[in-house]
Amino acid sequence: MEVLISMRAEFINKGIYFEQSSFMQMPTARTGETFVAEYREGDNEKLKLLKRYVEILEKKLSEDNGFKIENTNYGFKLLKPVDQNKDYNEEWDKWVIIASRLLNELKQVIGEPD
């Protein structure tokens, strides 16, 4: 499984299956943008498990401010608007932590070692 972290979803356009997780470099702050964590899985059986878990995740995150999930053919994207009233670098650091923790949780769900 792989996670790609970016400022905008349209910047993420790579192959669907990679051996290790990778994190993109921190982009510069922009007005009205969205943080994106795109989770991808190339194994069909693991992808089925991931899709089931995303349904649970959607219910869990619906109560939190601003999170949105977009399903894709190879996984899903988790999006969160950038809060322009907070320090951008701190918010980016928090986003990387959230995306990393979710990746670890998802790996446990699909039975993939860390």
C-alpha atoms as a PDB file:
ATOM      1  CA  MET A   1       0.000   0.000   0.000  1.00  0.00           C
ATOM      2  CA  GLU A   2       1.130   3.521  -0.683  1.00  0.00           C
ATOM      3  CA  VAL A   3       0.135   6.981   0.473  1.00  0.00           C
ATOM      4  CA  LEU A   4       0.882  10.160  -1.428  1.00  0.00           C
ATOM      5  CA  ILE A   5       0.470  13.433   0.444  1.00  0.00           C
ATOM      6  CA  SER A   6      -0.039  16.648  -1.457  1.00  0.00           C
ATOM      7  CA  MET A   7      -1.678  20.014  -1.463  1.00  0.00           C
ATOM      8  CA  ARG A   8      -3.977  19.271  -4.401  1.00  0.00           C
ATOM      9  CA  ALA A   9      -5.401  15.994  -5.710  1.00  0.00           C
ATOM     10  CA  GLU A  10      -4.659  16.765  -9.334  1.00  0.00           C
ATOM     11  CA  PHE A  11      -0.914  16.866  -8.592  1.00  0.00           C
ATOM     12  CA  ILE A  12      -0.992  13.160  -7.725  1.00  0.00           C
ATOM     13  CA  ASN A  13      -0.935  11.082 -10.887  1.00  0.00           C
ATOM     14  CA  LYS A  14       1.440   8.128 -10.661  1.00  0.00           C
ATOM     15  CA  GLY A  15       1.265   4.314 -11.001  1.00  0.00           C
ATOM     16  CA  ILE A  16      -1.058   2.392  -8.730  1.00  0.00           C
ATOM     17  CA  TYR A  17       1.171  -0.080  -6.917  1.00  0.00           C
ATOM     18  CA  PHE A  18       4.458   0.535  -5.157  1.00  0.00           C
ATOM     19  CA  GLU A  19       6.391  -1.521  -2.612  1.00  0.00           C
ATOM     20  CA  GLN A  20       6.871   1.215  -0.038  1.00  0.00           C
ATOM     21  CA  SER A  21       5.059   4.329   1.116  1.00  0.00           C
ATOM     22  CA  SER A  22       6.322   7.656  -0.077  1.00  0.00           C
ATOM     23  CA  PHE A  23       5.629  11.210   0.985  1.00  0.00           C
ATOM     24  CA  MET A  24       5.798  14.175  -1.352  1.00  0.00           C
ATOM     25  CA  GLN A  25       7.653  17.326  -0.396  1.00  0.00           C
ATOM     26  CA  MET A  26       5.681  19.988   1.467  1.00  0.00           C
ATOM     27  CA  PRO A  27       4.144  22.438  -1.021  1.00  0.00           C
ATOM     28  CA  THR A  28       3.870  26.156  -0.402  1.00  0.00           C
ATOM     29  CA  ALA A  29       0.711  27.560   1.179  1.00  0.00           C
ATOM     30  CA  ARG A  30      -2.008  28.792  -1.143  1.00  0.00           C
ATOM     31  CA  THR A  31      -5.346  30.401  -0.460  1.00  0.00           C
ATOM     32  CA  GLY A  32      -8.366  28.112  -0.443  1.00  0.00           C
ATOM     33  CA  GLU A  33      -6.462  24.886  -1.042  1.00  0.00           C
ATOM     34  CA  THR A  34      -6.987  21.371   0.299  1.00  0.00           C
ATOM     35  CA  PHE A  35      -4.602  18.876   1.881  1.00  0.00           C
ATOM     36  CA  VAL A  36      -4.810  15.490   0.153  1.00  0.00           C
ATOM     37  CA  ALA A  37      -3.707  12.033   1.243  1.00  0.00           C
ATOM     38  CA  GLU A  38      -4.218   9.468  -1.502  1.00  0.00           C
ATOM     39  CA  TYR A  39      -4.160   5.822  -0.421  1.00  0.00           C
ATOM     40  CA  ARG A  40      -3.507   3.286  -3.175  1.00  0.00           C
ATOM     41  CA  GLU A  41      -3.515  -0.501  -3.276  1.00  0.00           C
ATOM     42  CA  GLY A  42      -2.712  -2.653  -6.317  1.00  0.00           C
ATOM     43  CA  ASP A  43      -3.711  -6.071  -4.964  1.00  0.00           C
ATOM     44  CA  ASN A  44      -7.398  -6.744  -5.742  1.00  0.00           C
ATOM     45  CA  GLU A  45      -8.105  -8.736  -2.568  1.00  0.00           C
ATOM     46  CA  LYS A  46      -6.498  -6.099  -0.345  1.00  0.00           C
ATOM     47  CA  LEU A  47      -8.336  -3.398  -2.292  1.00  0.00           C
ATOM     48  CA  LYS A  48     -11.668  -5.044  -1.456  1.00  0.00           C
ATOM     49  CA  LEU A  49     -10.790  -4.941   2.260  1.00  0.00           C
ATOM     50  CA  LEU A  50      -9.698  -1.331   1.921  1.00  0.00           C
ATOM     51  CA  LYS A  51     -12.984  -0.347   0.243  1.00  0.00           C
ATOM     52  CA  ARG A  52     -14.993  -1.954   3.076  1.00  0.00           C
ATOM     53  CA  TYR A  53     -12.948  -0.108   5.673  1.00  0.00           C
ATOM     54  CA  VAL A  54     -13.440   3.201   3.855  1.00  0.00           C
ATOM     55  CA  GLU A  55     -17.184   2.902   4.446  1.00  0.00           C
ATOM     56  CA  ILE A  56     -16.516   2.761   8.197  1.00  0.00           C
ATOM     57  CA  LEU A  57     -14.001   5.582   7.955  1.00  0.00           C
ATOM     58  CA  GLU A  58     -16.546   7.794   6.169  1.00  0.00           C
ATOM     59  CA  LYS A  59     -18.976   7.439   9.060  1.00  0.00           C
ATOM     60  CA  LYS A  60     -16.215   8.106  11.578  1.00  0.00           C
ATOM     61  CA  LEU A  61     -14.946  11.229   9.824  1.00  0.00           C
ATOM     62  CA  SER A  62     -18.347  12.678   8.949  1.00  0.00           C
ATOM     63  CA  GLU A  63     -18.475  14.151  12.449  1.00  0.00           C
ATOM     64  CA  ASP A  64     -15.065  15.829  12.105  1.00  0.00           C
ATOM     65  CA  ASN A  65     -14.702  19.250  10.523  1.00  0.00           C
ATOM     66  CA  GLY A  66     -13.967  19.401   6.848  1.00  0.00           C
ATOM     67  CA  PHE A  67     -12.808  15.859   6.059  1.00  0.00           C
ATOM     68  CA  LYS A  68     -14.024  14.417   2.786  1.00  0.00           C
ATOM     69  CA  ILE A  69     -13.399  11.040   1.173  1.00  0.00           C
ATOM     70  CA  GLU A  70     -13.296  10.457  -2.572  1.00  0.00           C
ATOM     71  CA  ASN A  71     -13.265   6.849  -3.757  1.00  0.00           C
ATOM     72  CA  THR A  72     -10.998   5.882  -6.653  1.00  0.00           C
ATOM     73  CA  ASN A  73     -10.534   2.680  -8.666  1.00  0.00           C
ATOM     74  CA  TYR A  74      -7.356   1.901  -6.697  1.00  0.00           C
ATOM     75  CA  GLY A  75      -8.228   3.166  -3.195  1.00  0.00           C
ATOM     76  CA  PHE A  76      -9.368   6.554  -1.955  1.00  0.00           C
ATOM     77  CA  LYS A  77      -8.398  10.156  -1.298  1.00  0.00           C
ATOM     78  CA  LEU A  78      -8.813  11.843   2.068  1.00  0.00           C
ATOM     79  CA  LEU A  79      -9.194  15.610   1.738  1.00  0.00           C
ATOM     80  CA  LYS A  80      -9.209  18.409   4.287  1.00  0.00           C
ATOM     81  CA  PRO A  81      -9.413  22.150   3.553  1.00  0.00           C
ATOM     82  CA  VAL A  82      -6.413  24.219   4.629  1.00  0.00           C
ATOM     83  CA  ASP A  83      -7.339  26.513   7.527  1.00  0.00           C
ATOM     84  CA  GLN A  84      -5.967  29.907   6.484  1.00  0.00           C
ATOM     85  CA  ASN A  85      -6.254  31.204  10.079  1.00  0.00           C
ATOM     86  CA  LYS A  86      -3.658  28.758  11.403  1.00  0.00           C
ATOM     87  CA  ASP A  87       0.074  28.460  10.822  1.00  0.00           C
ATOM     88  CA  TYR A  88       0.490  26.593   7.560  1.00  0.00           C
ATOM     89  CA  ASN A  89       3.636  24.687   8.522  1.00  0.00           C
ATOM     90  CA  GLU A  90       2.058  23.433  11.752  1.00  0.00           C
ATOM     91  CA  GLU A  91      -1.077  22.367   9.890  1.00  0.00           C
ATOM     92  CA  TRP A  92       1.024  20.569   7.255  1.00  0.00           C
ATOM     93  CA  ASP A  93       2.960  18.734   9.981  1.00  0.00           C
ATOM     94  CA  LYS A  94      -0.326  17.644  11.591  1.00  0.00           C
ATOM     95  CA  TRP A  95      -1.604  16.489   8.199  1.00  0.00           C
ATOM     96  CA  VAL A  96       1.475  14.326   7.616  1.00  0.00           C
ATOM     97  CA  ILE A  97       0.984  12.726  11.054  1.00  0.00           C
ATOM     98  CA  ILE A  98      -2.717  12.062  10.376  1.00  0.00           C
ATOM     99  CA  ALA A  99      -1.950  10.550   6.955  1.00  0.00           C
ATOM    100  CA  SER A 100       0.858   8.388   8.359  1.00  0.00           C
ATOM    101  CA  ARG A 101      -1.232   7.068  11.237  1.00  0.00           C
ATOM    102  CA  LEU A 102      -4.088   6.248   8.907  1.00  0.00           C
ATOM    103  CA  LEU A 103      -1.664   4.434   6.596  1.00  0.00           C
ATOM    104  CA  ASN A 104      -0.466   2.280   9.501  1.00  0.00           C
ATOM    105  CA  GLU A 105      -4.065   1.541  10.484  1.00  0.00           C
ATOM    106  CA  LEU A 106      -4.985   0.631   6.905  1.00  0.00           C
ATOM    107  CA  LYS A 107      -1.995  -1.695   6.606  1.00  0.00           C
ATOM    108  CA  GLN A 108      -3.254  -3.573   9.676  1.00  0.00           C
ATOM    109  CA  VAL A 109      -6.734  -3.811   8.132  1.00  0.00           C
ATOM    110  CA  ILE A 110      -5.464  -5.369   4.902  1.00  0.00           C
ATOM    111  CA  GLY A 111      -2.863  -7.537   6.636  1.00  0.00           C
ATOM    112  CA  GLU A 112       0.219  -5.837   5.259  1.00  0.00           C
ATOM    113  CA  PRO A 113       3.330  -5.594   7.466  1.00  0.00           C
ATOM    114  CA  ASP A 114       4.697  -2.154   8.360  1.00  0.00           C
END
